[in-house]
Amino acid sequence: MPVQAHAKEKVRQARHGAYRDLILEAAQRVFAEKGYAEAKVADIAQAAGVATGTVYAIFPSKRDLYRAIHRENLDELSRRYAAIAAHASVRDTLLARSETSTRFLTSRPDYLRIYLREAEGWGFDPSQLPGDAAAFVDLSLFRRGVENGELIDEDPQLLQSLMLASGQVHLADWLRGGMREDPAALAARIQAFTRRAIFRPEPA
């Protein structure tokens, strides 16, 4: 590719990336405020300060845009999970993931609202989580925890759903309370509930 053409392509890609980020940020705000059904692509374009055609040039449909929001957030959460040091125990792994998820979601209240609004549709069934989010409540960990006695003797899938549900309820309560509670304190409160609900008491 000639140098001039290569330079033009780099500029085009940079412009495309800038528009994409701008649209995603605006879409997240609009979806959080109005919900998926009520949000219009025209609303998102207006919030982003771009033409509606520009939105469609990057995201062919509203559904594609909505999925991209989940993908962007879940990819970032996945990177944060990957940065967690390996833990030998199921207890430490689940508690570390709980804290990571809580801190991540409280740092992105618009996405948290989208996440919780979706929860009204899929309830507490991890298999119905958007995108690849089910990977963050890995059922194999719960199976291992029951088998090795770290978790109470109960159906691993029920324990998985209980942990997911308790996080959602605490996060929804945090939003209703005006997000005044310190995220670290909220994370500790969710962890304490999880310990009481699904873990066997640790040996004295």
C-alpha atoms as a PDB file:
ATOM      1  CA  MET A   1       0.000   0.000   0.000  1.00  0.00           C
ATOM      2  CA  PRO A   2       1.435   3.432  -0.932  1.00  0.00           C
ATOM      3  CA  VAL A   3       2.516   5.617   1.987  1.00  0.00           C
ATOM      4  CA  GLN A   4      -0.203   8.210   1.373  1.00  0.00           C
ATOM      5  CA  ALA A   5      -2.938   5.578   1.147  1.00  0.00           C
ATOM      6  CA  HIS A   6      -1.632   3.909   4.305  1.00  0.00           C
ATOM      7  CA  ALA A   7      -1.737   7.231   6.170  1.00  0.00           C
ATOM      8  CA  LYS A   8      -5.305   7.858   5.028  1.00  0.00           C
ATOM      9  CA  GLU A   9      -6.341   4.389   6.197  1.00  0.00           C
ATOM     10  CA  LYS A  10      -4.816   5.003   9.632  1.00  0.00           C
ATOM     11  CA  VAL A  11      -6.737   8.278   9.902  1.00  0.00           C
ATOM     12  CA  ARG A  12      -9.957   6.526   8.838  1.00  0.00           C
ATOM     13  CA  GLN A  13      -9.463   3.789  11.438  1.00  0.00           C
ATOM     14  CA  ALA A  14      -8.716   6.340  14.159  1.00  0.00           C
ATOM     15  CA  ARG A  15     -11.854   8.308  13.270  1.00  0.00           C
ATOM     16  CA  HIS A  16     -13.917   5.108  13.231  1.00  0.00           C
ATOM     17  CA  GLY A  17     -12.573   4.135  16.660  1.00  0.00           C
ATOM     18  CA  ALA A  18     -13.285   7.578  18.104  1.00  0.00           C
ATOM     19  CA  TYR A  19     -16.866   7.540  16.813  1.00  0.00           C
ATOM     20  CA  ARG A  20     -17.345   3.996  18.089  1.00  0.00           C
ATOM     21  CA  ASP A  21     -16.225   4.928  21.607  1.00  0.00           C
ATOM     22  CA  LEU A  22     -18.375   8.066  21.591  1.00  0.00           C
ATOM     23  CA  ILE A  23     -21.458   6.136  20.473  1.00  0.00           C
ATOM     24  CA  LEU A  24     -20.923   3.326  22.991  1.00  0.00           C
ATOM     25  CA  GLU A  25     -20.595   5.796  25.858  1.00  0.00           C
ATOM     26  CA  ALA A  26     -23.769   7.624  24.819  1.00  0.00           C
ATOM     27  CA  ALA A  27     -25.668   4.378  24.215  1.00  0.00           C
ATOM     28  CA  GLN A  28     -24.800   3.107  27.664  1.00  0.00           C
ATOM     29  CA  ARG A  29     -26.286   6.258  29.218  1.00  0.00           C
ATOM     30  CA  VAL A  30     -29.450   6.064  27.092  1.00  0.00           C
ATOM     31  CA  PHE A  31     -30.030   2.338  27.667  1.00  0.00           C
ATOM     32  CA  ALA A  32     -29.464   2.816  31.402  1.00  0.00           C
ATOM     33  CA  GLU A  33     -32.028   5.614  31.521  1.00  0.00           C
ATOM     34  CA  LYS A  34     -34.705   4.274  29.160  1.00  0.00           C
ATOM     35  CA  GLY A  35     -34.144   0.536  28.897  1.00  0.00           C
ATOM     36  CA  TYR A  36     -33.596  -1.370  25.673  1.00  0.00           C
ATOM     37  CA  ALA A  37     -37.194  -1.326  24.441  1.00  0.00           C
ATOM     38  CA  GLU A  38     -37.738   2.418  24.876  1.00  0.00           C
ATOM     39  CA  ALA A  39     -34.325   3.584  23.680  1.00  0.00           C
ATOM     40  CA  LYS A  40     -34.165   4.740  20.061  1.00  0.00           C
ATOM     41  CA  VAL A  41     -31.093   4.878  17.851  1.00  0.00           C
ATOM     42  CA  ALA A  42     -31.974   8.521  17.181  1.00  0.00           C
ATOM     43  CA  ASP A  43     -31.795   9.183  20.949  1.00  0.00           C
ATOM     44  CA  ILE A  44     -28.346   7.613  21.066  1.00  0.00           C
ATOM     45  CA  ALA A  45     -27.146   9.593  18.051  1.00  0.00           C
ATOM     46  CA  GLN A  46     -28.354  12.825  19.646  1.00  0.00           C
ATOM     47  CA  ALA A  47     -26.648  11.980  22.953  1.00  0.00           C
ATOM     48  CA  ALA A  48     -23.418  11.210  21.089  1.00  0.00           C
ATOM     49  CA  GLY A  49     -23.653  14.350  18.948  1.00  0.00           C
ATOM     50  CA  VAL A  50     -23.509  12.421  15.676  1.00  0.00           C
ATOM     51  CA  ALA A  51     -25.888  11.719  12.810  1.00  0.00           C
ATOM     52  CA  THR A  52     -28.130   8.657  13.053  1.00  0.00           C
ATOM     53  CA  GLY A  53     -26.502   7.370   9.868  1.00  0.00           C
ATOM     54  CA  THR A  54     -23.119   7.441  11.596  1.00  0.00           C
ATOM     55  CA  VAL A  55     -24.439   5.125  14.306  1.00  0.00           C
ATOM     56  CA  TYR A  56     -25.772   2.678  11.715  1.00  0.00           C
ATOM     57  CA  ALA A  57     -22.501   2.834   9.767  1.00  0.00           C
ATOM     58  CA  ILE A  58     -20.716   1.393  12.811  1.00  0.00           C
ATOM     59  CA  PHE A  59     -23.481  -0.664  14.428  1.00  0.00           C
ATOM     60  CA  PRO A  60     -25.947  -2.165  11.895  1.00  0.00           C
ATOM     61  CA  SER A  61     -28.756  -2.421  14.459  1.00  0.00           C
ATOM     62  CA  LYS A  62     -29.770  -1.392  17.961  1.00  0.00           C
ATOM     63  CA  ARG A  63     -29.283  -5.006  19.057  1.00  0.00           C
ATOM     64  CA  ASP A  64     -25.697  -4.988  17.739  1.00  0.00           C
ATOM     65  CA  LEU A  65     -25.019  -1.818  19.705  1.00  0.00           C
ATOM     66  CA  TYR A  66     -26.541  -3.286  22.858  1.00  0.00           C
ATOM     67  CA  ARG A  67     -24.467  -6.445  22.527  1.00  0.00           C
ATOM     68  CA  ALA A  68     -21.334  -4.370  21.994  1.00  0.00           C
ATOM     69  CA  ILE A  69     -21.937  -2.632  25.330  1.00  0.00           C
ATOM     70  CA  HIS A  70     -22.121  -5.988  27.100  1.00  0.00           C
ATOM     71  CA  ARG A  71     -19.066  -7.252  25.243  1.00  0.00           C
ATOM     72  CA  GLU A  72     -16.971  -4.172  26.098  1.00  0.00           C
ATOM     73  CA  ASN A  73     -17.835  -4.391  29.784  1.00  0.00           C
ATOM     74  CA  LEU A  74     -17.546  -8.160  30.091  1.00  0.00           C
ATOM     75  CA  ASP A  75     -14.199  -8.186  28.287  1.00  0.00           C
ATOM     76  CA  GLU A  76     -12.894  -5.661  30.805  1.00  0.00           C
ATOM     77  CA  LEU A  77     -14.274  -7.682  33.711  1.00  0.00           C
ATOM     78  CA  SER A  78     -12.640 -10.776  32.236  1.00  0.00           C
ATOM     79  CA  ARG A  79      -9.280  -8.984  32.194  1.00  0.00           C
ATOM     80  CA  ARG A  80      -9.730  -8.059  35.847  1.00  0.00           C
ATOM     81  CA  TYR A  81     -10.563 -11.653  36.702  1.00  0.00           C
ATOM     82  CA  ALA A  82      -7.426 -12.801  34.896  1.00  0.00           C
ATOM     83  CA  ALA A  83      -5.370 -10.451  37.068  1.00  0.00           C
ATOM     84  CA  ILE A  84      -6.584 -12.125  40.277  1.00  0.00           C
ATOM     85  CA  ALA A  85      -3.849 -14.239  41.817  1.00  0.00           C
ATOM     86  CA  ALA A  86      -4.514 -17.971  41.675  1.00  0.00           C
ATOM     87  CA  HIS A  87      -6.099 -19.259  44.882  1.00  0.00           C
ATOM     88  CA  ALA A  88      -5.876 -22.828  46.085  1.00  0.00           C
ATOM     89  CA  SER A  89      -9.254 -22.715  47.801  1.00  0.00           C
ATOM     90  CA  VAL A  90     -12.690 -22.301  46.279  1.00  0.00           C
ATOM     91  CA  ARG A  91     -13.552 -19.953  49.149  1.00  0.00           C
ATOM     92  CA  ASP A  92     -10.764 -17.490  48.362  1.00  0.00           C
ATOM     93  CA  THR A  93     -11.403 -17.654  44.612  1.00  0.00           C
ATOM     94  CA  LEU A  94     -15.130 -16.944  44.915  1.00  0.00           C
ATOM     95  CA  LEU A  95     -14.637 -14.147  47.434  1.00  0.00           C
ATOM     96  CA  ALA A  96     -11.955 -12.506  45.266  1.00  0.00           C
ATOM     97  CA  ARG A  97     -14.223 -12.681  42.230  1.00  0.00           C
ATOM     98  CA  SER A  98     -17.109 -11.262  44.235  1.00  0.00           C
ATOM     99  CA  GLU A  99     -15.047  -8.254  45.303  1.00  0.00           C
ATOM    100  CA  THR A 100     -13.735  -7.713  41.770  1.00  0.00           C
ATOM    101  CA  SER A 101     -17.233  -7.820  40.274  1.00  0.00           C
ATOM    102  CA  THR A 102     -18.639  -5.463  42.909  1.00  0.00           C
ATOM    103  CA  ARG A 103     -15.904  -2.887  42.463  1.00  0.00           C
ATOM    104  CA  PHE A 104     -16.194  -3.108  38.679  1.00  0.00           C
ATOM    105  CA  LEU A 105     -19.978  -2.681  38.552  1.00  0.00           C
ATOM    106  CA  THR A 106     -20.050   0.135  41.107  1.00  0.00           C
ATOM    107  CA  SER A 107     -17.438   1.990  39.047  1.00  0.00           C
ATOM    108  CA  ARG A 108     -19.825   1.862  36.054  1.00  0.00           C
ATOM    109  CA  PRO A 109     -23.285   2.735  37.389  1.00  0.00           C
ATOM    110  CA  ASP A 110     -24.825   3.115  33.920  1.00  0.00           C
ATOM    111  CA  TYR A 111     -23.774  -0.398  32.975  1.00  0.00           C
ATOM    112  CA  LEU A 112     -24.893  -1.634  36.395  1.00  0.00           C
ATOM    113  CA  ARG A 113     -28.382  -0.282  35.681  1.00  0.00           C
ATOM    114  CA  ILE A 114     -28.415  -2.097  32.332  1.00  0.00           C
ATOM    115  CA  TYR A 115     -27.192  -5.298  33.986  1.00  0.00           C
ATOM    116  CA  LEU A 116     -29.853  -5.164  36.704  1.00  0.00           C
ATOM    117  CA  ARG A 117     -32.610  -4.241  34.257  1.00  0.00           C
ATOM    118  CA  GLU A 118     -31.706  -7.353  32.258  1.00  0.00           C
ATOM    119  CA  ALA A 119     -31.899  -9.382  35.465  1.00  0.00           C
ATOM    120  CA  GLU A 120     -35.636  -8.728  35.539  1.00  0.00           C
ATOM    121  CA  GLY A 121     -35.875 -10.842  32.395  1.00  0.00           C
ATOM    122  CA  TRP A 122     -33.466 -13.678  33.113  1.00  0.00           C
ATOM    123  CA  GLY A 123     -33.886 -13.865  36.876  1.00  0.00           C
ATOM    124  CA  PHE A 124     -31.106 -15.633  38.733  1.00  0.00           C
ATOM    125  CA  ASP A 125     -30.354 -18.336  36.158  1.00  0.00           C
ATOM    126  CA  PRO A 126     -26.647 -17.972  35.240  1.00  0.00           C
ATOM    127  CA  SER A 127     -27.214 -19.662  31.871  1.00  0.00           C
ATOM    128  CA  GLN A 128     -29.373 -16.683  30.868  1.00  0.00           C
ATOM    129  CA  LEU A 129     -26.748 -14.057  31.642  1.00  0.00           C
ATOM    130  CA  PRO A 130     -25.942 -11.682  28.772  1.00  0.00           C
ATOM    131  CA  GLY A 131     -22.964 -12.474  26.575  1.00  0.00           C
ATOM    132  CA  ASP A 132     -20.299 -14.578  28.263  1.00  0.00           C
ATOM    133  CA  ALA A 133     -21.125 -13.401  31.769  1.00  0.00           C
ATOM    134  CA  ALA A 134     -21.977 -16.933  32.907  1.00  0.00           C
ATOM    135  CA  ALA A 135     -18.234 -17.638  32.877  1.00  0.00           C
ATOM    136  CA  PHE A 136     -17.868 -15.306  35.858  1.00  0.00           C
ATOM    137  CA  VAL A 137     -19.935 -17.597  38.078  1.00  0.00           C
ATOM    138  CA  ASP A 138     -18.174 -20.786  36.987  1.00  0.00           C
ATOM    139  CA  LEU A 139     -20.302 -23.778  38.022  1.00  0.00           C
ATOM    140  CA  SER A 140     -17.250 -26.057  38.255  1.00  0.00           C
ATOM    141  CA  LEU A 141     -15.980 -24.013  41.202  1.00  0.00           C
ATOM    142  CA  PHE A 142     -19.208 -24.626  43.095  1.00  0.00           C
ATOM    143  CA  ARG A 143     -19.086 -28.345  42.320  1.00  0.00           C
ATOM    144  CA  ARG A 144     -15.522 -28.528  43.613  1.00  0.00           C
ATOM    145  CA  GLY A 145     -16.433 -26.547  46.717  1.00  0.00           C
ATOM    146  CA  VAL A 146     -19.269 -28.934  47.587  1.00  0.00           C
ATOM    147  CA  GLU A 147     -17.076 -31.981  46.933  1.00  0.00           C
ATOM    148  CA  ASN A 148     -14.191 -30.788  49.110  1.00  0.00           C
ATOM    149  CA  GLY A 149     -16.430 -29.540  51.926  1.00  0.00           C
ATOM    150  CA  GLU A 150     -15.763 -25.801  51.592  1.00  0.00           C
ATOM    151  CA  LEU A 151     -19.367 -25.125  50.574  1.00  0.00           C
ATOM    152  CA  ILE A 152     -22.516 -26.395  52.261  1.00  0.00           C
ATOM    153  CA  ASP A 153     -23.883 -29.729  51.056  1.00  0.00           C
ATOM    154  CA  GLU A 154     -26.346 -28.422  48.490  1.00  0.00           C
ATOM    155  CA  ASP A 155     -26.939 -28.496  44.734  1.00  0.00           C
ATOM    156  CA  PRO A 156     -23.968 -26.574  43.223  1.00  0.00           C
ATOM    157  CA  GLN A 157     -26.239 -24.862  40.707  1.00  0.00           C
ATOM    158  CA  LEU A 158     -28.469 -23.610  43.520  1.00  0.00           C
ATOM    159  CA  LEU A 159     -25.428 -22.222  45.352  1.00  0.00           C
ATOM    160  CA  GLN A 160     -24.257 -20.570  42.140  1.00  0.00           C
ATOM    161  CA  SER A 161     -27.661 -18.924  41.655  1.00  0.00           C
ATOM    162  CA  LEU A 162     -27.780 -17.851  45.303  1.00  0.00           C
ATOM    163  CA  MET A 163     -24.416 -16.110  45.060  1.00  0.00           C
ATOM    164  CA  LEU A 164     -25.458 -14.373  41.845  1.00  0.00           C
ATOM    165  CA  ALA A 165     -28.814 -13.332  43.303  1.00  0.00           C
ATOM    166  CA  SER A 166     -27.352 -11.924  46.509  1.00  0.00           C
ATOM    167  CA  GLY A 167     -24.933  -9.778  44.532  1.00  0.00           C
ATOM    168  CA  GLN A 168     -27.741  -8.423  42.366  1.00  0.00           C
ATOM    169  CA  VAL A 169     -29.946  -7.615  45.362  1.00  0.00           C
ATOM    170  CA  HIS A 170     -27.141  -5.826  47.219  1.00  0.00           C
ATOM    171  CA  LEU A 171     -26.154  -3.838  44.119  1.00  0.00           C
ATOM    172  CA  ALA A 172     -29.754  -2.828  43.426  1.00  0.00           C
ATOM    173  CA  ASP A 173     -30.064  -1.673  47.039  1.00  0.00           C
ATOM    174  CA  TRP A 174     -26.851   0.351  46.621  1.00  0.00           C
ATOM    175  CA  LEU A 175     -28.339   2.141  43.610  1.00  0.00           C
ATOM    176  CA  ARG A 176     -31.620   2.815  45.428  1.00  0.00           C
ATOM    177  CA  GLY A 177     -29.635   4.291  48.306  1.00  0.00           C
ATOM    178  CA  GLY A 178     -28.100   6.874  46.002  1.00  0.00           C
ATOM    179  CA  MET A 179     -24.734   5.075  45.719  1.00  0.00           C
ATOM    180  CA  ARG A 180     -23.650   6.632  49.018  1.00  0.00           C
ATOM    181  CA  GLU A 181     -22.117   3.510  50.528  1.00  0.00           C
ATOM    182  CA  ASP A 182     -18.407   3.142  49.873  1.00  0.00           C
ATOM    183  CA  PRO A 183     -17.880   0.398  47.242  1.00  0.00           C
ATOM    184  CA  ALA A 184     -15.281  -1.296  49.450  1.00  0.00           C
ATOM    185  CA  ALA A 185     -17.806  -1.488  52.285  1.00  0.00           C
ATOM    186  CA  LEU A 186     -20.452  -2.811  49.907  1.00  0.00           C
ATOM    187  CA  ALA A 187     -18.054  -5.470  48.609  1.00  0.00           C
ATOM    188  CA  ALA A 188     -17.286  -6.527  52.188  1.00  0.00           C
ATOM    189  CA  ARG A 189     -21.007  -6.718  52.983  1.00  0.00           C
ATOM    190  CA  ILE A 190     -21.677  -8.929  49.957  1.00  0.00           C
ATOM    191  CA  GLN A 191     -18.752 -11.163  50.903  1.00  0.00           C
ATOM    192  CA  ALA A 192     -20.038 -11.479  54.476  1.00  0.00           C
ATOM    193  CA  PHE A 193     -23.471 -12.500  53.211  1.00  0.00           C
ATOM    194  CA  THR A 194     -21.893 -15.043  50.856  1.00  0.00           C
ATOM    195  CA  ARG A 195     -19.873 -16.555  53.703  1.00  0.00           C
ATOM    196  CA  ARG A 196     -23.014 -17.012  55.802  1.00  0.00           C
ATOM    197  CA  ALA A 197     -25.141 -18.290  52.924  1.00  0.00           C
ATOM    198  CA  ILE A 198     -23.032 -20.865  51.098  1.00  0.00           C
ATOM    199  CA  PHE A 199     -19.769 -21.573  52.958  1.00  0.00           C
ATOM    200  CA  ARG A 200     -19.217 -24.033  55.740  1.00  0.00           C
ATOM    201  CA  PRO A 201     -17.728 -22.379  58.850  1.00  0.00           C
ATOM    202  CA  GLU A 202     -13.948 -22.306  58.752  1.00  0.00           C
ATOM    203  CA  PRO A 203     -12.179 -24.402  61.400  1.00  0.00           C
ATOM    204  CA  ALA A 204     -11.370 -22.393  64.517  1.00  0.00           C
END
